[in-house]
Amino acid sequence: MADPQDMVRLASEKLRLWGLSQAQIDRILEEGKADHRMLITAPIGGVVTEQFVVQGQYVEEGGDMFSVVDLDHVWIKAQVYADQVALVRVGQAV
């Protein structure tokens, strides 16, 4: 029979790999049970540009829920008049 401590450790590791914070895992261990709903935070910051699910929807493993982009730095393609080229710099705020 498996060691109960090993089972707890493996379950905790699986929850961590699913994206739960250590605080969430600790709360589950303290309460001895998990809620049927869990807050999952994005591993990156950014702006949600598309939403592929609605609240309460079942999500398949590996399925996309949102499209998130970082808009701190963006590439632009622009046409610049020849006499204004000197005004354009890499990294310039627009």
PDB file of N, CA and C in Angstrom:
ATOM      1  N   MET A   1       0.846  -1.187   0.000  1.00  0.00           N
ATOM      2  CA  MET A   1       0.000   0.000   0.000  1.00  0.00           C
ATOM      3  C   MET A   1       0.885   1.242   0.000  1.00  0.00           C
ATOM      4  N   ALA A   2       0.427   2.272  -0.694  1.00  0.00           N
ATOM      5  CA  ALA A   2       1.204   3.511  -0.832  1.00  0.00           C
ATOM      6  C   ALA A   2       1.234   4.290   0.479  1.00  0.00           C
ATOM      7  N   ASP A   3       2.334   4.982   0.699  1.00  0.00           N
ATOM      8  CA  ASP A   3       2.495   5.815   1.879  1.00  0.00           C
ATOM      9  C   ASP A   3       1.586   7.041   1.756  1.00  0.00           C
ATOM     10  N   PRO A   4       0.744   7.326   2.759  1.00  0.00           N
ATOM     11  CA  PRO A   4      -0.164   8.482   2.682  1.00  0.00           C
ATOM     12  C   PRO A   4       0.561   9.803   2.455  1.00  0.00           C
ATOM     13  N   GLN A   5       1.737   9.970   3.040  1.00  0.00           N
ATOM     14  CA  GLN A   5       2.490  11.211   2.845  1.00  0.00           C
ATOM     15  C   GLN A   5       2.936  11.368   1.385  1.00  0.00           C
ATOM     16  N   ASP A   6       3.295  10.238   0.764  1.00  0.00           N
ATOM     17  CA  ASP A   6       3.666  10.289  -0.650  1.00  0.00           C
ATOM     18  C   ASP A   6       2.457  10.655  -1.502  1.00  0.00           C
ATOM     19  N   MET A   7       1.298  10.137  -1.167  1.00  0.00           N
ATOM     20  CA  MET A   7       0.077  10.450  -1.916  1.00  0.00           C
ATOM     21  C   MET A   7      -0.249  11.939  -1.818  1.00  0.00           C
ATOM     22  N   VAL A   8      -0.112  12.510  -0.617  1.00  0.00           N
ATOM     23  CA  VAL A   8      -0.364  13.938  -0.421  1.00  0.00           C
ATOM     24  C   VAL A   8       0.644  14.757  -1.220  1.00  0.00           C
ATOM     25  N   ARG A   9       1.904  14.359  -1.163  1.00  0.00           N
ATOM     26  CA  ARG A   9       2.951  15.081  -1.897  1.00  0.00           C
ATOM     27  C   ARG A   9       2.695  15.041  -3.398  1.00  0.00           C
ATOM     28  N   LEU A  10       2.335  13.872  -3.922  1.00  0.00           N
ATOM     29  CA  LEU A  10       2.070  13.740  -5.355  1.00  0.00           C
ATOM     30  C   LEU A  10       0.834  14.532  -5.773  1.00  0.00           C
ATOM     31  N   ALA A  11      -0.208  14.496  -4.953  1.00  0.00           N
ATOM     32  CA  ALA A  11      -1.415  15.264  -5.262  1.00  0.00           C
ATOM     33  C   ALA A  11      -1.122  16.761  -5.229  1.00  0.00           C
ATOM     34  N   SER A  12      -0.337  17.198  -4.257  1.00  0.00           N
ATOM     35  CA  SER A  12       0.041  18.611  -4.170  1.00  0.00           C
ATOM     36  C   SER A  12       0.835  19.035  -5.393  1.00  0.00           C
ATOM     37  N   GLU A  13       1.738  18.183  -5.823  1.00  0.00           N
ATOM     38  CA  GLU A  13       2.546  18.480  -7.011  1.00  0.00           C
ATOM     39  C   GLU A  13       1.668  18.586  -8.254  1.00  0.00           C
ATOM     40  N   LYS A  14       0.691  17.691  -8.381  1.00  0.00           N
ATOM     41  CA  LYS A  14      -0.217  17.742  -9.527  1.00  0.00           C
ATOM     42  C   LYS A  14      -1.009  19.045  -9.528  1.00  0.00           C
ATOM     43  N   LEU A  15      -1.493  19.461  -8.361  1.00  0.00           N
ATOM     44  CA  LEU A  15      -2.232  20.727  -8.266  1.00  0.00           C
ATOM     45  C   LEU A  15      -1.333  21.903  -8.629  1.00  0.00           C
ATOM     46  N   ARG A  16      -0.083  21.853  -8.203  1.00  0.00           N
ATOM     47  CA  ARG A  16       0.859  22.924  -8.535  1.00  0.00           C
ATOM     48  C   ARG A  16       1.090  22.979 -10.044  1.00  0.00           C
ATOM     49  N   LEU A  17       1.212  21.820 -10.674  1.00  0.00           N
ATOM     50  CA  LEU A  17       1.403  21.776 -12.126  1.00  0.00           C
ATOM     51  C   LEU A  17       0.170  22.276 -12.868  1.00  0.00           C
ATOM     52  N   TRP A  18      -0.998  22.145 -12.271  1.00  0.00           N
ATOM     53  CA  TRP A  18      -2.226  22.657 -12.878  1.00  0.00           C
ATOM     54  C   TRP A  18      -2.352  24.168 -12.719  1.00  0.00           C
ATOM     55  N   GLY A  19      -1.429  24.782 -11.953  1.00  0.00           N
ATOM     56  CA  GLY A  19      -1.435  26.230 -11.837  1.00  0.00           C
ATOM     57  C   GLY A  19      -1.982  26.783 -10.540  1.00  0.00           C
ATOM     58  N   LEU A  20      -2.292  25.918  -9.572  1.00  0.00           N
ATOM     59  CA  LEU A  20      -2.769  26.416  -8.290  1.00  0.00           C
ATOM     60  C   LEU A  20      -1.608  26.984  -7.492  1.00  0.00           C
ATOM     61  N   SER A  21      -1.892  28.027  -6.727  1.00  0.00           N
ATOM     62  CA  SER A  21      -0.847  28.625  -5.894  1.00  0.00           C
ATOM     63  C   SER A  21      -0.611  27.742  -4.670  1.00  0.00           C
ATOM     64  N   GLN A  22       0.532  27.969  -4.016  1.00  0.00           N
ATOM     65  CA  GLN A  22       0.825  27.203  -2.802  1.00  0.00           C
ATOM     66  C   GLN A  22      -0.204  27.500  -1.725  1.00  0.00           C
ATOM     67  N   ALA A  23      -0.692  28.752  -1.677  1.00  0.00           N
ATOM     68  CA  ALA A  23      -1.718  29.116  -0.690  1.00  0.00           C
ATOM     69  C   ALA A  23      -3.007  28.320  -0.930  1.00  0.00           C
ATOM     70  N   GLN A  24      -3.391  28.134  -2.188  1.00  0.00           N
ATOM     71  CA  GLN A  24      -4.586  27.348  -2.497  1.00  0.00           C
ATOM     72  C   GLN A  24      -4.395  25.888  -2.092  1.00  0.00           C
ATOM     73  N   ILE A  25      -3.228  25.346  -2.381  1.00  0.00           N
ATOM     74  CA  ILE A  25      -2.940  23.952  -2.023  1.00  0.00           C
ATOM     75  C   ILE A  25      -2.944  23.787  -0.512  1.00  0.00           C
ATOM     76  N   ASP A  26      -2.333  24.740   0.204  1.00  0.00           N
ATOM     77  CA  ASP A  26      -2.316  24.678   1.663  1.00  0.00           C
ATOM     78  C   ASP A  26      -3.727  24.724   2.235  1.00  0.00           C
ATOM     79  N   ARG A  27      -4.595  25.546   1.635  1.00  0.00           N
ATOM     80  CA  ARG A  27      -5.983  25.635   2.116  1.00  0.00           C
ATOM     81  C   ARG A  27      -6.705  24.302   1.923  1.00  0.00           C
ATOM     82  N   ILE A  28      -6.490  23.657   0.794  1.00  0.00           N
ATOM     83  CA  ILE A  28      -7.094  22.342   0.550  1.00  0.00           C
ATOM     84  C   ILE A  28      -6.608  21.342   1.591  1.00  0.00           C
ATOM     85  N   LEU A  29      -5.312  21.360   1.885  1.00  0.00           N
ATOM     86  CA  LEU A  29      -4.759  20.431   2.875  1.00  0.00           C
ATOM     87  C   LEU A  29      -5.317  20.716   4.268  1.00  0.00           C
ATOM     88  N   GLU A  30      -5.483  21.986   4.614  1.00  0.00           N
ATOM     89  CA  GLU A  30      -6.027  22.346   5.926  1.00  0.00           C
ATOM     90  C   GLU A  30      -7.482  21.923   6.069  1.00  0.00           C
ATOM     91  N   GLU A  31      -8.270  22.153   5.001  1.00  0.00           N
ATOM     92  CA  GLU A  31      -9.699  21.828   5.053  1.00  0.00           C
ATOM     93  C   GLU A  31      -9.971  20.347   4.822  1.00  0.00           C
ATOM     94  N   GLY A  32      -9.020  19.665   4.206  1.00  0.00           N
ATOM     95  CA  GLY A  32      -9.194  18.242   3.949  1.00  0.00           C
ATOM     96  C   GLY A  32     -10.092  17.935   2.764  1.00  0.00           C
ATOM     97  N   LYS A  33     -10.458  18.972   2.006  1.00  0.00           N
ATOM     98  CA  LYS A  33     -11.288  18.756   0.809  1.00  0.00           C
ATOM     99  C   LYS A  33     -11.121  19.958  -0.119  1.00  0.00           C
ATOM    100  N   ALA A  34     -11.423  19.740  -1.382  1.00  0.00           N
ATOM    101  CA  ALA A  34     -11.336  20.807  -2.375  1.00  0.00           C
ATOM    102  C   ALA A  34     -12.736  21.244  -2.774  1.00  0.00           C
ATOM    103  N   ASP A  35     -12.864  22.506  -3.093  1.00  0.00           N
ATOM    104  CA  ASP A  35     -14.124  23.031  -3.615  1.00  0.00           C
ATOM    105  C   ASP A  35     -14.286  22.512  -5.044  1.00  0.00           C
ATOM    106  N   HIS A  36     -15.518  22.441  -5.537  1.00  0.00           N
ATOM    107  CA  HIS A  36     -15.718  21.959  -6.899  1.00  0.00           C
ATOM    108  C   HIS A  36     -15.360  23.028  -7.934  1.00  0.00           C
ATOM    109  N   ARG A  37     -15.137  24.270  -7.480  1.00  0.00           N
ATOM    110  CA  ARG A  37     -14.677  25.344  -8.359  1.00  0.00           C
ATOM    111  C   ARG A  37     -13.364  25.886  -7.798  1.00  0.00           C
ATOM    112  N   MET A  38     -12.468  26.257  -8.695  1.00  0.00           N
ATOM    113  CA  MET A  38     -11.153  26.703  -8.261  1.00  0.00           C
ATOM    114  C   MET A  38     -10.735  27.903  -9.100  1.00  0.00           C
ATOM    115  N   LEU A  39     -10.205  28.934  -8.443  1.00  0.00           N
ATOM    116  CA  LEU A  39      -9.671  30.089  -9.143  1.00  0.00           C
ATOM    117  C   LEU A  39      -8.332  29.713  -9.745  1.00  0.00           C
ATOM    118  N   ILE A  40      -8.197  29.903 -11.051  1.00  0.00           N
ATOM    119  CA  ILE A  40      -6.945  29.627 -11.733  1.00  0.00           C
ATOM    120  C   ILE A  40      -6.465  30.941 -12.329  1.00  0.00           C
ATOM    121  N   THR A  41      -5.266  31.350 -11.966  1.00  0.00           N
ATOM    122  CA  THR A  41      -4.736  32.608 -12.472  1.00  0.00           C
ATOM    123  C   THR A  41      -3.836  32.352 -13.673  1.00  0.00           C
ATOM    124  N   ALA A  42      -3.755  33.348 -14.530  1.00  0.00           N
ATOM    125  CA  ALA A  42      -2.924  33.232 -15.724  1.00  0.00           C
ATOM    126  C   ALA A  42      -1.450  33.270 -15.323  1.00  0.00           C
ATOM    127  N   PRO A  43      -0.630  32.479 -15.983  1.00  0.00           N
ATOM    128  CA  PRO A  43       0.798  32.490 -15.671  1.00  0.00           C
ATOM    129  C   PRO A  43       1.511  33.710 -16.248  1.00  0.00           C
ATOM    130  N   ILE A  44       0.794  34.545 -17.002  1.00  0.00           N
ATOM    131  CA  ILE A  44       1.372  35.743 -17.592  1.00  0.00           C
ATOM    132  C   ILE A  44       0.417  36.903 -17.391  1.00  0.00           C
ATOM    133  N   GLY A  45       0.926  38.105 -17.473  1.00  0.00           N
ATOM    134  CA  GLY A  45       0.081  39.291 -17.442  1.00  0.00           C
ATOM    135  C   GLY A  45      -0.225  39.718 -18.867  1.00  0.00           C
ATOM    136  N   GLY A  46      -1.259  40.484 -19.036  1.00  0.00           N
ATOM    137  CA  GLY A  46      -1.575  40.965 -20.370  1.00  0.00           C
ATOM    138  C   GLY A  46      -3.030  41.347 -20.482  1.00  0.00           C
ATOM    139  N   VAL A  47      -3.479  41.430 -21.702  1.00  0.00           N
ATOM    140  CA  VAL A  47      -4.843  41.823 -22.016  1.00  0.00           C
ATOM    141  C   VAL A  47      -5.538  40.657 -22.703  1.00  0.00           C
ATOM    142  N   VAL A  48      -6.741  40.312 -22.221  1.00  0.00           N
ATOM    143  CA  VAL A  48      -7.516  39.243 -22.858  1.00  0.00           C
ATOM    144  C   VAL A  48      -8.075  39.794 -24.165  1.00  0.00           C
ATOM    145  N   THR A  49      -7.710  39.152 -25.273  1.00  0.00           N
ATOM    146  CA  THR A  49      -8.202  39.594 -26.579  1.00  0.00           C
ATOM    147  C   THR A  49      -9.307  38.695 -27.114  1.00  0.00           C
ATOM    148  N   GLU A  50      -9.367  37.458 -26.627  1.00  0.00           N
ATOM    149  CA  GLU A  50     -10.427  36.531 -27.033  1.00  0.00           C
ATOM    150  C   GLU A  50     -10.788  35.648 -25.854  1.00  0.00           C
ATOM    151  N   GLN A  51     -12.078  35.318 -25.746  1.00  0.00           N
ATOM    152  CA  GLN A  51     -12.560  34.405 -24.717  1.00  0.00           C
ATOM    153  C   GLN A  51     -13.230  33.241 -25.422  1.00  0.00           C
ATOM    154  N   PHE A  52     -12.744  32.044 -25.153  1.00  0.00           N
ATOM    155  CA  PHE A  52     -13.243  30.858 -25.844  1.00  0.00           C
ATOM    156  C   PHE A  52     -14.204  30.032 -24.994  1.00  0.00           C
ATOM    157  N   VAL A  53     -14.417  30.410 -23.730  1.00  0.00           N
ATOM    158  CA  VAL A  53     -15.291  29.654 -22.831  1.00  0.00           C
ATOM    159  C   VAL A  53     -16.216  30.608 -22.103  1.00  0.00           C
ATOM    160  N   VAL A  54     -17.258  30.035 -21.520  1.00  0.00           N
ATOM    161  CA  VAL A  54     -18.166  30.804 -20.670  1.00  0.00           C
ATOM    162  C   VAL A  54     -18.158  30.175 -19.278  1.00  0.00           C
ATOM    163  N   GLN A  55     -18.575  30.954 -18.290  1.00  0.00           N
ATOM    164  CA  GLN A  55     -18.579  30.473 -16.915  1.00  0.00           C
ATOM    165  C   GLN A  55     -19.411  29.195 -16.808  1.00  0.00           C
ATOM    166  N   GLY A  56     -18.851  28.204 -16.128  1.00  0.00           N
ATOM    167  CA  GLY A  56     -19.537  26.934 -15.918  1.00  0.00           C
ATOM    168  C   GLY A  56     -19.275  25.901 -16.995  1.00  0.00           C
ATOM    169  N   GLN A  57     -18.655  26.301 -18.078  1.00  0.00           N
ATOM    170  CA  GLN A  57     -18.379  25.378 -19.176  1.00  0.00           C
ATOM    171  C   GLN A  57     -17.280  24.403 -18.794  1.00  0.00           C
ATOM    172  N   TYR A  58     -17.409  23.158 -19.208  1.00  0.00           N
ATOM    173  CA  TYR A  58     -16.361  22.156 -19.010  1.00  0.00           C
ATOM    174  C   TYR A  58     -15.236  22.447 -19.992  1.00  0.00           C
ATOM    175  N   VAL A  59     -14.003  22.366 -19.519  1.00  0.00           N
ATOM    176  CA  VAL A  59     -12.842  22.631 -20.364  1.00  0.00           C
ATOM    177  C   VAL A  59     -12.021  21.353 -20.472  1.00  0.00           C
ATOM    178  N   GLU A  60     -11.783  20.933 -21.698  1.00  0.00           N
ATOM    179  CA  GLU A  60     -10.943  19.760 -21.942  1.00  0.00           C
ATOM    180  C   GLU A  60      -9.499  20.075 -21.547  1.00  0.00           C
ATOM    181  N   GLU A  61      -8.770  19.081 -21.120  1.00  0.00           N
ATOM    182  CA  GLU A  61      -7.358  19.267 -20.798  1.00  0.00           C
ATOM    183  C   GLU A  61      -6.626  19.803 -22.018  1.00  0.00           C
ATOM    184  N   GLY A  62      -5.879  20.866 -21.816  1.00  0.00           N
ATOM    185  CA  GLY A  62      -5.106  21.469 -22.902  1.00  0.00           C
ATOM    186  C   GLY A  62      -5.915  22.411 -23.776  1.00  0.00           C
ATOM    187  N   GLY A  63      -7.214  22.540 -23.491  1.00  0.00           N
ATOM    188  CA  GLY A  63      -8.052  23.419 -24.290  1.00  0.00           C
ATOM    189  C   GLY A  63      -7.772  24.893 -24.010  1.00  0.00           C
ATOM    190  N   ASP A  64      -7.902  25.718 -25.016  1.00  0.00           N
ATOM    191  CA  ASP A  64      -7.708  27.149 -24.849  1.00  0.00           C
ATOM    192  C   ASP A  64      -8.936  27.770 -24.203  1.00  0.00           C
ATOM    193  N   MET A  65      -8.707  28.622 -23.201  1.00  0.00           N
ATOM    194  CA  MET A  65      -9.803  29.337 -22.563  1.00  0.00           C
ATOM    195  C   MET A  65      -9.804  30.807 -22.965  1.00  0.00           C
ATOM    196  N   PHE A  66      -8.611  31.384 -23.077  1.00  0.00           N
ATOM    197  CA  PHE A  66      -8.480  32.792 -23.419  1.00  0.00           C
ATOM    198  C   PHE A  66      -7.263  32.996 -24.299  1.00  0.00           C
ATOM    199  N   SER A  67      -7.283  34.063 -25.037  1.00  0.00           N
ATOM    200  CA  SER A  67      -6.095  34.533 -25.729  1.00  0.00           C
ATOM    201  C   SER A  67      -5.647  35.782 -24.981  1.00  0.00           C
ATOM    202  N   VAL A  68      -4.418  35.752 -24.465  1.00  0.00           N
ATOM    203  CA  VAL A  68      -3.881  36.857 -23.674  1.00  0.00           C
ATOM    204  C   VAL A  68      -2.630  37.373 -24.379  1.00  0.00           C
ATOM    205  N   VAL A  69      -2.574  38.697 -24.561  1.00  0.00           N
ATOM    206  CA  VAL A  69      -1.398  39.288 -25.202  1.00  0.00           C
ATOM    207  C   VAL A  69      -0.813  40.366 -24.311  1.00  0.00           C
ATOM    208  N   ASP A  70       0.478  40.536 -24.433  1.00  0.00           N
ATOM    209  CA  ASP A  70       1.196  41.583 -23.711  1.00  0.00           C
ATOM    210  C   ASP A  70       1.289  42.787 -24.631  1.00  0.00           C
ATOM    211  N   LEU A  71       0.619  43.869 -24.265  1.00  0.00           N
ATOM    212  CA  LEU A  71       0.625  45.056 -25.116  1.00  0.00           C
ATOM    213  C   LEU A  71       1.620  46.113 -24.647  1.00  0.00           C
ATOM    214  N   ASP A  72       2.542  45.731 -23.750  1.00  0.00           N
ATOM    215  CA  ASP A  72       3.557  46.689 -23.312  1.00  0.00           C
ATOM    216  C   ASP A  72       4.498  47.045 -24.469  1.00  0.00           C
ATOM    217  N   HIS A  73       4.777  46.074 -25.312  1.00  0.00           N
ATOM    218  CA  HIS A  73       5.628  46.302 -26.478  1.00  0.00           C
ATOM    219  C   HIS A  73       4.923  45.703 -27.686  1.00  0.00           C
ATOM    220  N   VAL A  74       4.761  46.491 -28.708  1.00  0.00           N
ATOM    221  CA  VAL A  74       4.127  46.000 -29.938  1.00  0.00           C
ATOM    222  C   VAL A  74       4.971  46.417 -31.134  1.00  0.00           C
ATOM    223  N   TRP A  75       4.862  45.645 -32.169  1.00  0.00           N
ATOM    224  CA  TRP A  75       5.508  45.977 -33.434  1.00  0.00           C
ATOM    225  C   TRP A  75       4.472  46.681 -34.281  1.00  0.00           C
ATOM    226  N   ILE A  76       4.911  47.725 -34.967  1.00  0.00           N
ATOM    227  CA  ILE A  76       3.994  48.384 -35.894  1.00  0.00           C
ATOM    228  C   ILE A  76       4.638  48.428 -37.270  1.00  0.00           C
ATOM    229  N   LYS A  77       3.789  48.461 -38.259  1.00  0.00           N
ATOM    230  CA  LYS A  77       4.240  48.620 -39.627  1.00  0.00           C
ATOM    231  C   LYS A  77       3.666  49.960 -40.071  1.00  0.00           C
ATOM    232  N   ALA A  78       4.538  50.859 -40.460  1.00  0.00           N
ATOM    233  CA  ALA A  78       4.071  52.203 -40.792  1.00  0.00           C
ATOM    234  C   ALA A  78       4.745  52.715 -42.053  1.00  0.00           C
ATOM    235  N   GLN A  79       4.032  53.575 -42.714  1.00  0.00           N
ATOM    236  CA  GLN A  79       4.620  54.296 -43.834  1.00  0.00           C
ATOM    237  C   GLN A  79       4.974  55.683 -43.317  1.00  0.00           C
ATOM    238  N   VAL A  80       6.229  56.060 -43.511  1.00  0.00           N
ATOM    239  CA  VAL A  80       6.714  57.348 -43.017  1.00  0.00           C
ATOM    240  C   VAL A  80       7.218  58.146 -44.219  1.00  0.00           C
ATOM    241  N   TYR A  81       6.807  59.383 -44.271  1.00  0.00           N
ATOM    242  CA  TYR A  81       7.288  60.252 -45.338  1.00  0.00           C
ATOM    243  C   TYR A  81       8.800  60.442 -45.193  1.00  0.00           C
ATOM    244  N   ALA A  82       9.487  60.535 -46.304  1.00  0.00           N
ATOM    245  CA  ALA A  82      10.945  60.634 -46.320  1.00  0.00           C
ATOM    246  C   ALA A  82      11.451  61.792 -45.465  1.00  0.00           C
ATOM    247  N   ASP A  83      10.757  62.906 -45.467  1.00  0.00           N
ATOM    248  CA  ASP A  83      11.226  64.062 -44.702  1.00  0.00           C
ATOM    249  C   ASP A  83      10.947  63.917 -43.203  1.00  0.00           C
ATOM    250  N   GLN A  84      10.254  62.851 -42.782  1.00  0.00           N
ATOM    251  CA  GLN A  84       9.959  62.634 -41.363  1.00  0.00           C
ATOM    252  C   GLN A  84      10.692  61.419 -40.771  1.00  0.00           C
ATOM    253  N   VAL A  85      11.488  60.722 -41.575  1.00  0.00           N
ATOM    254  CA  VAL A  85      12.199  59.530 -41.121  1.00  0.00           C
ATOM    255  C   VAL A  85      13.089  59.844 -39.927  1.00  0.00           C
ATOM    256  N   ALA A  86      13.702  60.998 -39.906  1.00  0.00           N
ATOM    257  CA  ALA A  86      14.600  61.372 -38.806  1.00  0.00           C
ATOM    258  C   ALA A  86      13.852  61.507 -37.476  1.00  0.00           C
ATOM    259  N   LEU A  87      12.554  61.635 -37.515  1.00  0.00           N
ATOM    260  CA  LEU A  87      11.743  61.796 -36.282  1.00  0.00           C
ATOM    261  C   LEU A  87      11.384  60.447 -35.663  1.00  0.00           C
ATOM    262  N   VAL A  88      11.609  59.358 -36.376  1.00  0.00           N
ATOM    263  CA  VAL A  88      11.213  58.032 -35.899  1.00  0.00           C
ATOM    264  C   VAL A  88      12.416  57.332 -35.278  1.00  0.00           C
ATOM    265  N   ARG A  89      12.220  56.778 -34.049  1.00  0.00           N
ATOM    266  CA  ARG A  89      13.300  56.085 -33.320  1.00  0.00           C
ATOM    267  C   ARG A  89      12.796  54.725 -32.855  1.00  0.00           C
ATOM    268  N   VAL A  90      13.709  53.757 -32.776  1.00  0.00           N
ATOM    269  CA  VAL A  90      13.378  52.456 -32.200  1.00  0.00           C
ATOM    270  C   VAL A  90      13.055  52.674 -30.714  1.00  0.00           C
ATOM    271  N   GLY A  91      11.989  52.075 -30.241  1.00  0.00           N
ATOM    272  CA  GLY A  91      11.597  52.193 -28.838  1.00  0.00           C
ATOM    273  C   GLY A  91      10.790  53.437 -28.522  1.00  0.00           C
ATOM    274  N   GLN A  92      10.489  54.213 -29.532  1.00  0.00           N
ATOM    275  CA  GLN A  92       9.733  55.444 -29.353  1.00  0.00           C
ATOM    276  C   GLN A  92       8.293  55.134 -28.956  1.00  0.00           C
ATOM    277  N   ALA A  93       7.773  55.896 -27.993  1.00  0.00           N
ATOM    278  CA  ALA A  93       6.365  55.750 -27.601  1.00  0.00           C
ATOM    279  C   ALA A  93       5.490  56.313 -28.704  1.00  0.00           C
ATOM    280  N   VAL A  94       4.410  55.614 -28.991  1.00  0.00           N
ATOM    281  CA  VAL A  94       3.462  56.101 -30.004  1.00  0.00           C
ATOM    282  C   VAL A  94       2.061  56.157 -29.441  1.00  0.00           C
TER     283      VAL A  94
END
